[in-house]
C-alpha atoms as a PDB file:
ATOM      1  CA  MET A   1      10.142  19.349   6.480  1.00  0.00           C
ATOM      2  CA  ARG A   2      12.017  17.228   3.953  1.00  0.00           C
ATOM      3  CA  ASN A   3      10.610  14.007   2.639  1.00  0.00           C
ATOM      4  CA  ARG A   4      12.675  11.009   3.610  1.00  0.00           C
ATOM      5  CA  PRO A   5      13.752   8.744   0.771  1.00  0.00           C
ATOM      6  CA  ASP A   6      11.791   5.509   0.585  1.00  0.00           C
ATOM      7  CA  PRO A   7      14.246   2.658   1.326  1.00  0.00           C
ATOM      8  CA  LEU A   8      12.022   0.223  -0.583  1.00  0.00           C
ATOM      9  CA  ARG A   9      11.835   2.344  -3.735  1.00  0.00           C
ATOM     10  CA  VAL A  10      13.463   0.804  -6.779  1.00  0.00           C
ATOM     11  CA  THR A  11      14.367   2.405 -10.076  1.00  0.00           C
ATOM     12  CA  SER A  12      12.914   1.336 -13.389  1.00  0.00           C
ATOM     13  CA  ALA A  13      16.405   0.087 -14.331  1.00  0.00           C
ATOM     14  CA  GLN A  14      16.466  -2.208 -11.262  1.00  0.00           C
ATOM     15  CA  ILE A  15      13.017  -3.563 -12.130  1.00  0.00           C
ATOM     16  CA  SER A  16      13.976  -4.101 -15.763  1.00  0.00           C
ATOM     17  CA  ARG A  17      17.177  -5.928 -14.772  1.00  0.00           C
ATOM     18  CA  ALA A  18      15.352  -8.138 -12.256  1.00  0.00           C
ATOM     19  CA  MET A  19      12.660  -9.008 -14.818  1.00  0.00           C
ATOM     20  CA  ARG A  20      15.413 -10.656 -16.889  1.00  0.00           C
ATOM     21  CA  TRP A  21      16.632 -12.832 -14.000  1.00  0.00           C
ATOM     22  CA  PRO A  22      15.654 -16.436 -14.672  1.00  0.00           C
ATOM     23  CA  ILE A  23      14.302 -18.461 -11.772  1.00  0.00           C
ATOM     24  CA  GLY A  24      17.312 -19.815  -9.909  1.00  0.00           C
ATOM     25  CA  THR A  25      19.409 -16.632 -10.280  1.00  0.00           C
ATOM     26  CA  ALA A  26      21.915 -16.302  -7.428  1.00  0.00           C
ATOM     27  CA  VAL A  27      21.091 -13.248  -5.298  1.00  0.00           C
ATOM     28  CA  THR A  28      21.943 -11.711  -1.939  1.00  0.00           C
ATOM     29  CA  VAL A  29      19.053 -10.492   0.211  1.00  0.00           C
ATOM     30  CA  THR A  30      19.483  -7.908   2.972  1.00  0.00           C
ATOM     31  CA  LYS A  31      17.004  -8.758   5.723  1.00  0.00           C
ATOM     32  CA  ASP A  32      15.246  -6.263   8.013  1.00  0.00           C
ATOM     33  CA  ASP A  33      17.899  -6.691  10.720  1.00  0.00           C
ATOM     34  CA  GLY A  34      20.738  -5.960   8.254  1.00  0.00           C
ATOM     35  CA  ALA A  35      21.880  -9.577   7.958  1.00  0.00           C
ATOM     36  CA  THR A  36      22.505 -10.832   4.428  1.00  0.00           C
ATOM     37  CA  VAL A  37      21.427 -14.170   2.981  1.00  0.00           C
ATOM     38  CA  ASP A  38      22.794 -15.774  -0.175  1.00  0.00           C
ATOM     39  CA  THR A  39      19.913 -17.486  -1.959  1.00  0.00           C
ATOM     40  CA  VAL A  40      18.286 -17.922  -5.376  1.00  0.00           C
ATOM     41  CA  THR A  41      15.151 -16.473  -6.951  1.00  0.00           C
ATOM     42  CA  ARG A  42      11.956 -18.530  -7.123  1.00  0.00           C
ATOM     43  CA  SER A  43       9.866 -16.102  -9.208  1.00  0.00           C
ATOM     44  CA  ALA A  44       9.837 -13.053 -11.404  1.00  0.00           C
ATOM     45  CA  PRO A  45       9.294  -9.779  -9.509  1.00  0.00           C
ATOM     46  CA  TRP A  46       5.771  -8.381  -9.135  1.00  0.00           C
ATOM     47  CA  LYS A  47       4.244  -5.273  -7.648  1.00  0.00           C
ATOM     48  CA  LEU A  48       2.552  -5.726  -4.277  1.00  0.00           C
ATOM     49  CA  GLY A  49       0.832  -2.471  -3.374  1.00  0.00           C
ATOM     50  CA  ASP A  50       3.537   0.165  -3.825  1.00  0.00           C
ATOM     51  CA  THR A  51       6.476  -2.243  -3.415  1.00  0.00           C
ATOM     52  CA  TRP A  52       8.140  -4.520  -5.976  1.00  0.00           C
ATOM     53  CA  VAL A  53       8.779  -7.959  -4.457  1.00  0.00           C
ATOM     54  CA  ILE A  54      10.304 -11.285  -5.490  1.00  0.00           C
ATOM     55  CA  LEU A  55      10.268 -14.808  -4.067  1.00  0.00           C
ATOM     56  CA  CYS A  56      13.597 -16.202  -2.884  1.00  0.00           C
ATOM     57  CA  ASP A  57      14.453 -19.723  -1.740  1.00  0.00           C
ATOM     58  CA  GLY A  58      14.431 -20.101   2.047  1.00  0.00           C
ATOM     59  CA  ILE A  59      12.564 -16.830   2.692  1.00  0.00           C
ATOM     60  CA  SER A  60       8.801 -17.010   3.124  1.00  0.00           C
ATOM     61  CA  GLY A  61       6.672 -14.565   1.169  1.00  0.00           C
ATOM     62  CA  GLY A  62       7.748 -11.917  -1.304  1.00  0.00           C
ATOM     63  CA  TYR A  63      10.816  -9.893  -0.366  1.00  0.00           C
ATOM     64  CA  ALA A  64      11.308  -6.238  -1.336  1.00  0.00           C
ATOM     65  CA  LEU A  65      13.240  -6.032  -4.598  1.00  0.00           C
ATOM     66  CA  ALA A  66      15.117  -3.012  -3.246  1.00  0.00           C
ATOM     67  CA  ARG A  67      16.902  -5.392  -0.863  1.00  0.00           C
ATOM     68  CA  VAL A  68      17.780  -8.056  -3.437  1.00  0.00           C
ATOM     69  CA  VAL A  69      20.920  -7.867  -5.589  1.00  0.00           C
ATOM     70  CA  GLU A  70      22.225 -10.336  -8.131  1.00  0.00           C
ATOM     71  CA  ARG A  71      25.526 -11.902  -7.155  1.00  0.00           C
ATOM     72  CA  ALA A  72      28.137 -13.246  -9.483  1.00  0.00           C
ATOM     73  CA  GLU A  73      28.765 -16.946  -9.211  1.00  0.00           C
ATOM     74  CA  VAL A  74      32.443 -17.783  -8.819  1.00  0.00           C
ATOM     75  CA  PHE A  75      33.478 -21.132 -10.231  1.00  0.00           C
END
């Protein structure tokens, strides 16, 4: 039986990039139901058990870094 890929797994490059995001970085979060939310970061990422998480404005608790992507601000 094949191992399924872990949807919450992030690469070291993703972690490194997110570590450089200052608080207030514009991001898009994909929620459990597939809906997306445009928000901003409230923390640096940290490891919670086996999952890297980050705080985002308007979302309670840490959210899986694998579901958070930086978005370009358009002025």
